[in-house]
């Protein structure tokens, strides 16, 4: 039986591996075998670290919230428990941003949590807190421009705008920004 070397297919496969190993130290970017091994490991590290990145950010948000809570004489766990009892739905990322950017609003959240822990929860306070959360979420024209055409059309449909199906992105942005 004749020998088959693989030809251009093998060369392209090796070239692809070496291209993905570009920038690695030493022989890991020069030699196919070591480059292939390193790219396999790199893929595993990237997969693992995508998960760890989420954990690290959550830890950072909790640390920031805890620091702001301590400034308002309440522990983090009591604060979160109070918000849950009050029915305030805000995630930790938003809470940490509020703690940094708007300490007065964060203090109002702390007061709502303290009232909820004491059993003084009113539906009005919860509704106003949830309204504050939605008010501080970005909905400006700059943020609308980042949306896709399909999302803009859904917004136009929700706002009962006629002819939204045939509009281009610029027209949708103009109509929705009014």
N, C-alpha and C. Protein backbone atom coordinates (compact mmCIF):
# COMPACT_ATOMS: atom_id res chain seq x y z
N UNK A 1 0.84 -1.19 0.00
CA UNK A 1 0.00 0.00 0.00
C UNK A 1 0.88 1.25 0.00
N UNK A 2 0.47 2.25 -0.71
CA UNK A 2 1.29 3.45 -0.84
C UNK A 2 1.19 4.33 0.41
N UNK A 3 2.23 5.11 0.63
CA UNK A 3 2.27 5.99 1.79
C UNK A 3 1.52 7.28 1.51
N UNK A 4 0.68 7.69 2.46
CA UNK A 4 -0.05 8.95 2.33
C UNK A 4 0.45 9.90 3.41
N UNK A 5 0.96 11.06 2.99
CA UNK A 5 1.56 11.98 3.94
C UNK A 5 0.57 13.03 4.47
N UNK A 6 -0.54 13.22 3.83
CA UNK A 6 -1.51 14.21 4.31
C UNK A 6 -1.49 15.49 3.51
N UNK A 7 -0.32 15.83 2.96
CA UNK A 7 -0.23 16.98 2.06
C UNK A 7 -0.68 18.29 2.66
N UNK A 8 -1.48 19.01 1.89
CA UNK A 8 -1.88 20.36 2.29
C UNK A 8 -2.82 20.35 3.49
N UNK A 9 -3.59 19.28 3.67
CA UNK A 9 -4.51 19.21 4.81
C UNK A 9 -3.74 19.21 6.12
N UNK A 10 -2.70 18.37 6.20
CA UNK A 10 -1.89 18.30 7.41
C UNK A 10 -1.14 19.61 7.64
N UNK A 11 -0.64 20.19 6.54
CA UNK A 11 0.09 21.46 6.66
C UNK A 11 -0.83 22.56 7.20
N UNK A 12 -2.07 22.60 6.70
CA UNK A 12 -3.02 23.62 7.15
C UNK A 12 -3.39 23.41 8.62
N UNK A 13 -3.54 22.14 9.01
CA UNK A 13 -3.88 21.84 10.40
C UNK A 13 -2.75 22.29 11.32
N UNK A 14 -1.53 21.98 10.94
CA UNK A 14 -0.37 22.37 11.76
C UNK A 14 -0.21 23.89 11.79
N UNK A 15 -0.44 24.50 10.65
CA UNK A 15 -0.33 25.96 10.58
C UNK A 15 -1.35 26.63 11.49
N UNK A 16 -2.56 26.05 11.55
CA UNK A 16 -3.61 26.60 12.41
C UNK A 16 -3.22 26.50 13.88
N UNK A 17 -2.63 25.37 14.27
CA UNK A 17 -2.20 25.19 15.66
C UNK A 17 -1.09 26.17 15.99
N UNK A 18 -0.12 26.31 15.09
CA UNK A 18 1.00 27.22 15.33
C UNK A 18 0.53 28.68 15.36
N UNK A 19 -0.47 28.99 14.57
CA UNK A 19 -1.01 30.35 14.59
C UNK A 19 -1.69 30.64 15.92
N UNK A 20 -2.42 29.65 16.46
CA UNK A 20 -3.09 29.86 17.75
C UNK A 20 -2.09 29.88 18.91
N UNK A 21 -0.88 29.31 18.70
CA UNK A 21 0.16 29.28 19.73
C UNK A 21 1.09 30.48 19.62
N UNK A 22 0.77 31.43 18.75
CA UNK A 22 1.61 32.60 18.54
C UNK A 22 1.76 33.37 19.84
N UNK A 23 2.96 33.73 20.19
CA UNK A 23 3.21 34.49 21.40
C UNK A 23 3.60 33.66 22.60
N UNK A 24 3.52 32.35 22.49
CA UNK A 24 3.93 31.49 23.61
C UNK A 24 5.46 31.48 23.72
N UNK A 25 5.95 31.15 24.88
CA UNK A 25 7.38 31.21 25.17
C UNK A 25 8.12 29.99 24.61
N UNK A 26 9.30 30.23 24.08
CA UNK A 26 10.19 29.16 23.66
C UNK A 26 9.65 28.31 22.53
N UNK A 27 9.82 27.00 22.69
CA UNK A 27 9.44 26.09 21.61
C UNK A 27 7.93 25.91 21.51
N UNK A 28 7.19 26.45 22.47
CA UNK A 28 5.73 26.26 22.47
C UNK A 28 5.06 27.01 21.32
N UNK A 29 5.78 27.94 20.71
CA UNK A 29 5.20 28.59 19.54
C UNK A 29 5.92 28.22 18.25
N UNK A 30 6.96 27.37 18.37
CA UNK A 30 7.72 26.97 17.18
C UNK A 30 7.47 25.54 16.75
N UNK A 31 7.42 24.63 17.71
CA UNK A 31 7.31 23.22 17.38
C UNK A 31 5.85 22.76 17.49
N UNK A 32 5.43 22.00 16.49
CA UNK A 32 4.02 21.62 16.41
C UNK A 32 3.55 20.85 17.63
N UNK A 33 4.31 19.83 18.04
CA UNK A 33 3.86 18.97 19.14
C UNK A 33 3.69 19.74 20.43
N UNK A 34 4.68 20.54 20.78
CA UNK A 34 4.58 21.30 22.04
C UNK A 34 3.54 22.40 21.91
N UNK A 35 3.40 22.98 20.73
CA UNK A 35 2.40 24.02 20.51
C UNK A 35 0.99 23.45 20.66
N UNK A 36 0.80 22.25 20.11
CA UNK A 36 -0.51 21.62 20.21
C UNK A 36 -0.86 21.30 21.66
N UNK A 37 0.13 20.78 22.39
CA UNK A 37 -0.07 20.47 23.80
C UNK A 37 -0.43 21.73 24.59
N UNK A 38 0.29 22.81 24.30
CA UNK A 38 0.05 24.05 25.04
C UNK A 38 -1.30 24.66 24.70
N UNK A 39 -1.74 24.56 23.43
CA UNK A 39 -3.05 25.10 23.09
C UNK A 39 -4.16 24.30 23.75
N UNK A 40 -3.98 22.98 23.89
CA UNK A 40 -4.96 22.18 24.63
C UNK A 40 -5.06 22.67 26.06
N UNK A 41 -3.89 22.85 26.69
CA UNK A 41 -3.88 23.34 28.08
C UNK A 41 -4.48 24.74 28.18
N UNK A 42 -4.15 25.58 27.20
CA UNK A 42 -4.67 26.95 27.21
C UNK A 42 -6.19 26.97 27.13
N UNK A 43 -6.73 26.08 26.32
CA UNK A 43 -8.19 25.98 26.23
C UNK A 43 -8.81 25.56 27.55
N UNK A 44 -8.17 24.63 28.24
CA UNK A 44 -8.67 24.19 29.54
C UNK A 44 -8.58 25.31 30.57
N UNK A 45 -7.47 26.05 30.53
CA UNK A 45 -7.32 27.16 31.47
C UNK A 45 -8.36 28.25 31.21
N UNK A 46 -8.60 28.53 29.94
CA UNK A 46 -9.57 29.56 29.58
C UNK A 46 -10.97 29.16 30.05
N UNK A 47 -11.32 27.90 29.85
CA UNK A 47 -12.64 27.41 30.29
C UNK A 47 -12.77 27.53 31.80
N UNK A 48 -11.73 27.10 32.53
CA UNK A 48 -11.75 27.16 33.99
C UNK A 48 -11.84 28.61 34.47
N UNK A 49 -11.07 29.49 33.86
CA UNK A 49 -11.01 30.86 34.33
C UNK A 49 -12.24 31.69 33.98
N UNK A 50 -12.97 31.28 32.95
CA UNK A 50 -14.24 31.97 32.68
C UNK A 50 -15.20 31.77 33.84
N UNK A 51 -15.16 30.59 34.44
CA UNK A 51 -16.00 30.32 35.62
C UNK A 51 -15.46 31.08 36.84
N UNK A 52 -14.13 31.06 37.01
CA UNK A 52 -13.54 31.72 38.17
C UNK A 52 -13.71 33.23 38.12
N UNK A 53 -13.75 33.78 36.91
CA UNK A 53 -13.94 35.22 36.76
C UNK A 53 -15.27 35.65 37.35
N UNK A 54 -16.32 34.87 37.12
CA UNK A 54 -17.63 35.18 37.68
C UNK A 54 -17.58 35.16 39.20
N UNK A 55 -16.88 34.15 39.76
CA UNK A 55 -16.74 34.06 41.22
C UNK A 55 -15.99 35.26 41.77
N UNK A 56 -14.92 35.64 41.08
CA UNK A 56 -14.10 36.74 41.57
C UNK A 56 -14.87 38.05 41.57
N UNK A 57 -15.66 38.30 40.53
CA UNK A 57 -16.45 39.52 40.49
C UNK A 57 -17.52 39.53 41.58
N UNK A 58 -18.16 38.39 41.80
CA UNK A 58 -19.16 38.33 42.87
C UNK A 58 -18.51 38.61 44.23
N UNK A 59 -17.30 38.06 44.46
CA UNK A 59 -16.58 38.34 45.71
C UNK A 59 -16.28 39.82 45.84
N UNK A 60 -15.87 40.45 44.75
CA UNK A 60 -15.56 41.88 44.77
C UNK A 60 -16.80 42.70 45.11
N UNK A 61 -17.95 42.36 44.46
CA UNK A 61 -19.18 43.10 44.73
C UNK A 61 -19.59 42.96 46.19
N UNK A 62 -19.49 41.74 46.72
CA UNK A 62 -19.87 41.50 48.11
C UNK A 62 -18.96 42.28 49.05
N UNK A 63 -17.67 42.33 48.74
CA UNK A 63 -16.73 43.09 49.57
C UNK A 63 -17.08 44.56 49.58
N UNK A 64 -17.41 45.11 48.41
CA UNK A 64 -17.78 46.53 48.33
C UNK A 64 -19.08 46.81 49.09
N UNK A 65 -20.06 45.92 48.94
CA UNK A 65 -21.33 46.11 49.64
C UNK A 65 -21.12 46.02 51.15
N UNK A 66 -20.30 45.07 51.58
CA UNK A 66 -20.01 44.90 53.00
C UNK A 66 -19.36 46.15 53.57
N UNK A 67 -18.42 46.74 52.83
CA UNK A 67 -17.75 47.96 53.31
C UNK A 67 -18.75 49.09 53.46
N UNK A 68 -19.65 49.22 52.49
CA UNK A 68 -20.66 50.28 52.57
C UNK A 68 -21.65 50.01 53.69
N UNK A 69 -21.97 48.73 53.91
CA UNK A 69 -22.89 48.37 55.00
C UNK A 69 -22.27 48.72 56.35
N UNK A 70 -20.99 48.41 56.52
CA UNK A 70 -20.31 48.70 57.79
C UNK A 70 -20.30 50.19 58.07
N UNK A 71 -20.23 51.00 57.03
CA UNK A 71 -20.28 52.46 57.22
C UNK A 71 -21.67 52.90 57.68
N UNK A 72 -22.68 52.06 57.40
CA UNK A 72 -24.05 52.37 57.82
C UNK A 72 -24.50 51.52 59.00
N UNK A 73 -23.55 50.95 59.74
CA UNK A 73 -23.82 50.21 60.98
C UNK A 73 -24.73 49.00 60.79
N UNK A 74 -24.46 48.21 59.79
CA UNK A 74 -25.20 46.96 59.58
C UNK A 74 -24.25 45.97 58.91
N UNK A 75 -24.42 44.70 59.20
CA UNK A 75 -23.56 43.70 58.56
C UNK A 75 -24.15 43.35 57.18
N UNK A 76 -23.30 42.79 56.34
CA UNK A 76 -23.72 42.43 54.99
C UNK A 76 -24.87 41.43 55.01
N UNK A 77 -24.74 40.40 55.85
CA UNK A 77 -25.76 39.35 55.85
C UNK A 77 -27.12 39.89 56.32
N UNK A 78 -27.11 40.75 57.33
CA UNK A 78 -28.37 41.34 57.80
C UNK A 78 -28.96 42.26 56.73
N UNK A 79 -28.09 42.97 56.02
CA UNK A 79 -28.56 43.87 54.96
C UNK A 79 -29.25 43.09 53.85
N UNK A 80 -28.62 42.03 53.38
CA UNK A 80 -29.20 41.22 52.30
C UNK A 80 -30.49 40.56 52.77
N UNK A 81 -30.50 40.07 54.01
CA UNK A 81 -31.70 39.45 54.57
C UNK A 81 -32.83 40.47 54.65
N UNK A 82 -32.51 41.68 55.08
CA UNK A 82 -33.52 42.74 55.16
C UNK A 82 -34.08 43.11 53.80
N UNK A 83 -33.21 43.19 52.79
CA UNK A 83 -33.69 43.49 51.44
C UNK A 83 -34.60 42.38 50.93
N UNK A 84 -34.25 41.14 51.21
CA UNK A 84 -35.10 40.02 50.78
C UNK A 84 -36.45 40.06 51.47
N UNK A 85 -36.44 40.36 52.77
CA UNK A 85 -37.71 40.45 53.50
C UNK A 85 -38.56 41.62 53.02
N UNK A 86 -37.90 42.70 52.61
CA UNK A 86 -38.62 43.87 52.11
C UNK A 86 -39.12 43.66 50.68
N UNK A 87 -38.59 42.66 50.01
CA UNK A 87 -39.02 42.38 48.64
C UNK A 87 -38.32 43.25 47.61
N UNK A 88 -37.19 43.85 47.98
CA UNK A 88 -36.43 44.68 47.04
C UNK A 88 -35.59 43.76 46.17
N UNK A 89 -35.77 43.86 44.87
CA UNK A 89 -35.05 42.99 43.96
C UNK A 89 -33.98 43.80 43.23
N UNK A 90 -32.76 43.68 43.74
CA UNK A 90 -31.62 44.34 43.12
C UNK A 90 -30.43 43.39 43.28
N UNK A 91 -29.66 43.23 42.21
CA UNK A 91 -28.55 42.27 42.29
C UNK A 91 -27.32 42.91 42.92
N UNK A 92 -26.35 42.09 43.24
CA UNK A 92 -25.18 42.56 43.97
C UNK A 92 -24.32 43.49 43.13
N UNK A 93 -24.30 43.28 41.82
CA UNK A 93 -23.54 44.17 40.95
C UNK A 93 -24.09 45.59 41.03
N UNK A 94 -25.39 45.72 40.93
CA UNK A 94 -26.02 47.04 41.00
C UNK A 94 -25.85 47.65 42.39
N UNK A 95 -25.96 46.83 43.43
CA UNK A 95 -25.77 47.34 44.80
C UNK A 95 -24.37 47.89 44.98
N UNK A 96 -23.36 47.20 44.45
CA UNK A 96 -22.00 47.69 44.61
C UNK A 96 -21.79 48.99 43.83
N UNK A 97 -22.39 49.10 42.66
CA UNK A 97 -22.29 50.35 41.90
C UNK A 97 -22.98 51.49 42.63
N UNK A 98 -24.15 51.21 43.21
CA UNK A 98 -24.86 52.23 43.97
C UNK A 98 -24.04 52.65 45.19
N UNK A 99 -23.41 51.68 45.85
CA UNK A 99 -22.60 51.98 47.03
C UNK A 99 -21.44 52.90 46.68
N UNK A 100 -20.88 52.74 45.50
CA UNK A 100 -19.76 53.58 45.08
C UNK A 100 -20.23 54.94 44.58
N UNK A 101 -21.22 54.94 43.69
CA UNK A 101 -21.61 56.16 43.00
C UNK A 101 -22.61 57.02 43.76
N UNK A 102 -23.49 56.40 44.55
CA UNK A 102 -24.57 57.15 45.19
C UNK A 102 -24.76 56.67 46.63
N UNK A 103 -23.91 57.11 47.55
CA UNK A 103 -24.01 56.63 48.94
C UNK A 103 -25.35 56.98 49.61
N UNK A 104 -25.98 58.09 49.20
CA UNK A 104 -27.26 58.47 49.80
C UNK A 104 -28.34 57.44 49.45
N UNK A 105 -28.36 57.00 48.21
CA UNK A 105 -29.33 55.99 47.80
C UNK A 105 -29.05 54.67 48.51
N UNK A 106 -27.76 54.34 48.68
CA UNK A 106 -27.42 53.11 49.39
C UNK A 106 -27.89 53.19 50.84
N UNK A 107 -27.77 54.36 51.45
CA UNK A 107 -28.25 54.54 52.82
C UNK A 107 -29.76 54.33 52.91
N UNK A 108 -30.49 54.76 51.86
CA UNK A 108 -31.94 54.51 51.86
C UNK A 108 -32.24 53.02 51.76
N UNK A 109 -31.42 52.28 51.00
CA UNK A 109 -31.58 50.83 50.95
C UNK A 109 -31.31 50.20 52.32
N UNK A 110 -30.30 50.72 53.01
CA UNK A 110 -29.99 50.21 54.34
C UNK A 110 -31.15 50.46 55.29
N UNK A 111 -31.76 51.65 55.19
CA UNK A 111 -32.90 51.96 56.05
C UNK A 111 -34.09 51.05 55.75
N UNK A 112 -34.30 50.74 54.48
CA UNK A 112 -35.38 49.81 54.11
C UNK A 112 -35.10 48.43 54.68
N UNK A 113 -33.83 48.00 54.59
CA UNK A 113 -33.46 46.67 55.12
C UNK A 113 -33.63 46.63 56.63
N UNK A 114 -33.23 47.70 57.32
CA UNK A 114 -33.38 47.74 58.78
C UNK A 114 -34.85 47.70 59.18
N UNK A 115 -35.67 48.46 58.46
CA UNK A 115 -37.11 48.45 58.75
C UNK A 115 -37.71 47.07 58.53
N UNK A 116 -37.27 46.39 57.47
CA UNK A 116 -37.78 45.06 57.17
C UNK A 116 -37.38 44.07 58.25
N UNK A 117 -36.16 44.21 58.77
CA UNK A 117 -35.70 43.32 59.83
C UNK A 117 -36.48 43.54 61.12
N UNK A 118 -36.94 44.77 61.35
CA UNK A 118 -37.74 45.08 62.54
C UNK A 118 -39.22 44.78 62.33
N UNK A 119 -39.60 44.44 61.12
CA UNK A 119 -40.99 44.10 60.82
C UNK A 119 -41.82 45.29 60.41
N UNK A 120 -41.19 46.40 60.03
CA UNK A 120 -41.91 47.62 59.65
C UNK A 120 -41.95 47.80 58.13
N UNK A 121 -42.10 46.72 57.41
CA UNK A 121 -42.07 46.78 55.95
C UNK A 121 -43.39 47.32 55.44
N UNK A 122 -43.31 48.31 54.57
CA UNK A 122 -44.51 48.82 53.92
C UNK A 122 -44.37 48.56 52.42
N UNK A 123 -45.47 48.28 51.78
CA UNK A 123 -45.45 48.02 50.34
C UNK A 123 -45.02 49.27 49.59
N UNK A 124 -45.34 50.43 50.15
CA UNK A 124 -44.99 51.68 49.50
C UNK A 124 -43.47 51.86 49.44
N UNK A 125 -42.78 51.54 50.53
CA UNK A 125 -41.33 51.67 50.57
C UNK A 125 -40.68 50.70 49.60
N UNK A 126 -41.21 49.48 49.54
CA UNK A 126 -40.67 48.49 48.62
C UNK A 126 -40.86 48.93 47.18
N UNK A 127 -42.05 49.45 46.87
CA UNK A 127 -42.33 49.90 45.51
C UNK A 127 -41.42 51.07 45.14
N UNK A 128 -41.21 51.99 46.08
CA UNK A 128 -40.34 53.13 45.77
C UNK A 128 -38.90 52.69 45.59
N UNK A 129 -38.46 51.70 46.36
CA UNK A 129 -37.09 51.19 46.22
C UNK A 129 -36.91 50.51 44.87
N UNK A 130 -37.90 49.72 44.47
CA UNK A 130 -37.81 49.06 43.16
C UNK A 130 -37.87 50.09 42.03
N UNK A 131 -38.63 51.17 42.23
CA UNK A 131 -38.68 52.24 41.24
C UNK A 131 -37.34 52.95 41.14
N UNK A 132 -36.66 53.14 42.27
CA UNK A 132 -35.34 53.75 42.28
C UNK A 132 -34.35 52.89 41.50
N UNK A 133 -34.45 51.58 41.69
CA UNK A 133 -33.56 50.65 40.98
C UNK A 133 -33.77 50.79 39.48
N UNK A 134 -35.01 50.77 39.04
CA UNK A 134 -35.28 50.86 37.60
C UNK A 134 -34.93 52.24 37.05
N UNK A 135 -35.03 53.28 37.90
CA UNK A 135 -34.69 54.62 37.46
C UNK A 135 -33.19 54.76 37.23
N UNK A 136 -32.39 54.08 38.04
CA UNK A 136 -30.94 54.19 37.93
C UNK A 136 -30.35 53.24 36.92
N UNK A 137 -31.13 52.32 36.38
CA UNK A 137 -30.63 51.45 35.33
C UNK A 137 -30.52 52.26 34.04
N UNK A 138 -29.44 52.10 33.30
CA UNK A 138 -29.21 52.94 32.12
C UNK A 138 -30.22 52.67 31.01
N UNK A 139 -30.88 53.72 30.57
CA UNK A 139 -31.84 53.65 29.47
C UNK A 139 -31.67 54.86 28.56
N UNK A 140 -30.49 55.44 28.53
CA UNK A 140 -30.27 56.64 27.73
C UNK A 140 -30.16 56.28 26.26
N UNK A 141 -30.07 57.33 25.43
CA UNK A 141 -29.98 57.13 23.99
C UNK A 141 -28.69 56.39 23.62
N UNK A 142 -27.63 56.64 24.36
CA UNK A 142 -26.37 55.96 24.07
C UNK A 142 -26.50 54.46 24.32
N UNK A 143 -27.25 54.08 25.35
CA UNK A 143 -27.44 52.67 25.64
C UNK A 143 -28.39 52.02 24.64
N UNK A 144 -29.37 52.77 24.16
CA UNK A 144 -30.30 52.23 23.18
C UNK A 144 -29.57 51.95 21.87
N UNK A 145 -28.57 52.77 21.55
CA UNK A 145 -27.85 52.58 20.29
C UNK A 145 -27.04 51.29 20.28
N UNK A 146 -26.76 50.72 21.45
CA UNK A 146 -26.02 49.46 21.52
C UNK A 146 -26.90 48.25 21.26
N UNK A 147 -28.22 48.44 21.27
CA UNK A 147 -29.15 47.33 21.07
C UNK A 147 -29.18 46.92 19.61
N UNK A 148 -29.62 45.70 19.37
CA UNK A 148 -29.77 45.22 18.00
C UNK A 148 -31.07 45.73 17.41
N UNK A 149 -31.20 45.59 16.11
CA UNK A 149 -32.42 46.05 15.43
C UNK A 149 -33.63 45.27 15.94
N UNK A 150 -33.47 43.98 16.18
CA UNK A 150 -34.59 43.17 16.68
C UNK A 150 -35.05 43.67 18.04
N UNK A 151 -34.09 44.01 18.93
CA UNK A 151 -34.46 44.52 20.25
C UNK A 151 -35.13 45.88 20.14
N UNK A 152 -34.63 46.72 19.23
CA UNK A 152 -35.25 48.03 19.02
C UNK A 152 -36.67 47.88 18.50
N UNK A 153 -36.88 46.91 17.62
CA UNK A 153 -38.23 46.69 17.10
C UNK A 153 -39.18 46.20 18.19
N UNK A 154 -38.67 45.38 19.11
CA UNK A 154 -39.50 44.95 20.24
C UNK A 154 -39.89 46.13 21.11
N UNK A 155 -38.93 47.05 21.33
CA UNK A 155 -39.24 48.25 22.12
C UNK A 155 -40.28 49.11 21.41
N UNK A 156 -40.13 49.24 20.09
CA UNK A 156 -41.08 50.03 19.31
C UNK A 156 -42.47 49.39 19.35
N UNK A 157 -42.51 48.08 19.30
CA UNK A 157 -43.79 47.38 19.38
C UNK A 157 -44.44 47.61 20.74
N UNK A 158 -43.62 47.57 21.81
CA UNK A 158 -44.14 47.80 23.16
C UNK A 158 -44.65 49.23 23.32
N UNK A 159 -44.05 50.19 22.59
CA UNK A 159 -44.46 51.59 22.67
C UNK A 159 -45.54 51.94 21.66
N UNK A 160 -46.07 50.94 20.95
CA UNK A 160 -47.15 51.11 19.97
C UNK A 160 -46.77 52.12 18.88
N UNK A 161 -45.60 51.95 18.30
CA UNK A 161 -45.15 52.81 17.21
C UNK A 161 -45.48 52.13 15.89
N UNK A 162 -46.17 52.88 15.02
CA UNK A 162 -46.60 52.32 13.74
C UNK A 162 -45.43 52.24 12.76
N UNK A 163 -45.41 51.21 11.94
CA UNK A 163 -44.43 51.05 10.88
C UNK A 163 -43.04 50.68 11.35
N UNK A 164 -42.94 50.14 12.54
CA UNK A 164 -41.62 49.80 13.08
C UNK A 164 -40.96 48.64 12.34
N UNK A 165 -41.76 47.83 11.66
CA UNK A 165 -41.19 46.64 10.99
C UNK A 165 -40.32 47.01 9.79
N UNK A 166 -40.60 48.13 9.14
CA UNK A 166 -39.85 48.52 7.95
C UNK A 166 -38.77 49.56 8.23
N UNK A 167 -38.68 50.03 9.48
CA UNK A 167 -37.70 51.07 9.82
C UNK A 167 -36.29 50.50 9.93
N UNK A 168 -35.33 51.33 9.56
CA UNK A 168 -33.93 50.99 9.75
C UNK A 168 -33.52 51.37 11.16
N UNK A 169 -32.31 50.98 11.55
CA UNK A 169 -31.84 51.19 12.93
C UNK A 169 -31.82 52.68 13.29
N UNK A 170 -31.34 53.52 12.39
CA UNK A 170 -31.26 54.96 12.67
C UNK A 170 -32.65 55.54 12.89
N UNK A 171 -33.62 55.12 12.07
CA UNK A 171 -34.99 55.61 12.23
C UNK A 171 -35.59 55.14 13.55
N UNK A 172 -35.33 53.87 13.91
CA UNK A 172 -35.83 53.34 15.18
C UNK A 172 -35.25 54.11 16.36
N UNK A 173 -33.95 54.38 16.31
CA UNK A 173 -33.31 55.14 17.38
C UNK A 173 -33.91 56.53 17.52
N UNK A 174 -34.16 57.16 16.37
CA UNK A 174 -34.74 58.51 16.38
C UNK A 174 -36.14 58.51 16.98
N UNK A 175 -36.95 57.53 16.62
CA UNK A 175 -38.32 57.46 17.12
C UNK A 175 -38.35 57.10 18.61
N UNK A 176 -37.49 56.17 19.01
CA UNK A 176 -37.49 55.73 20.41
C UNK A 176 -36.86 56.74 21.36
N UNK A 177 -35.97 57.60 20.86
CA UNK A 177 -35.33 58.58 21.73
C UNK A 177 -36.26 59.75 22.06
N UNK A 178 -37.36 59.88 21.33
CA UNK A 178 -38.31 60.97 21.60
C UNK A 178 -39.12 60.70 22.84
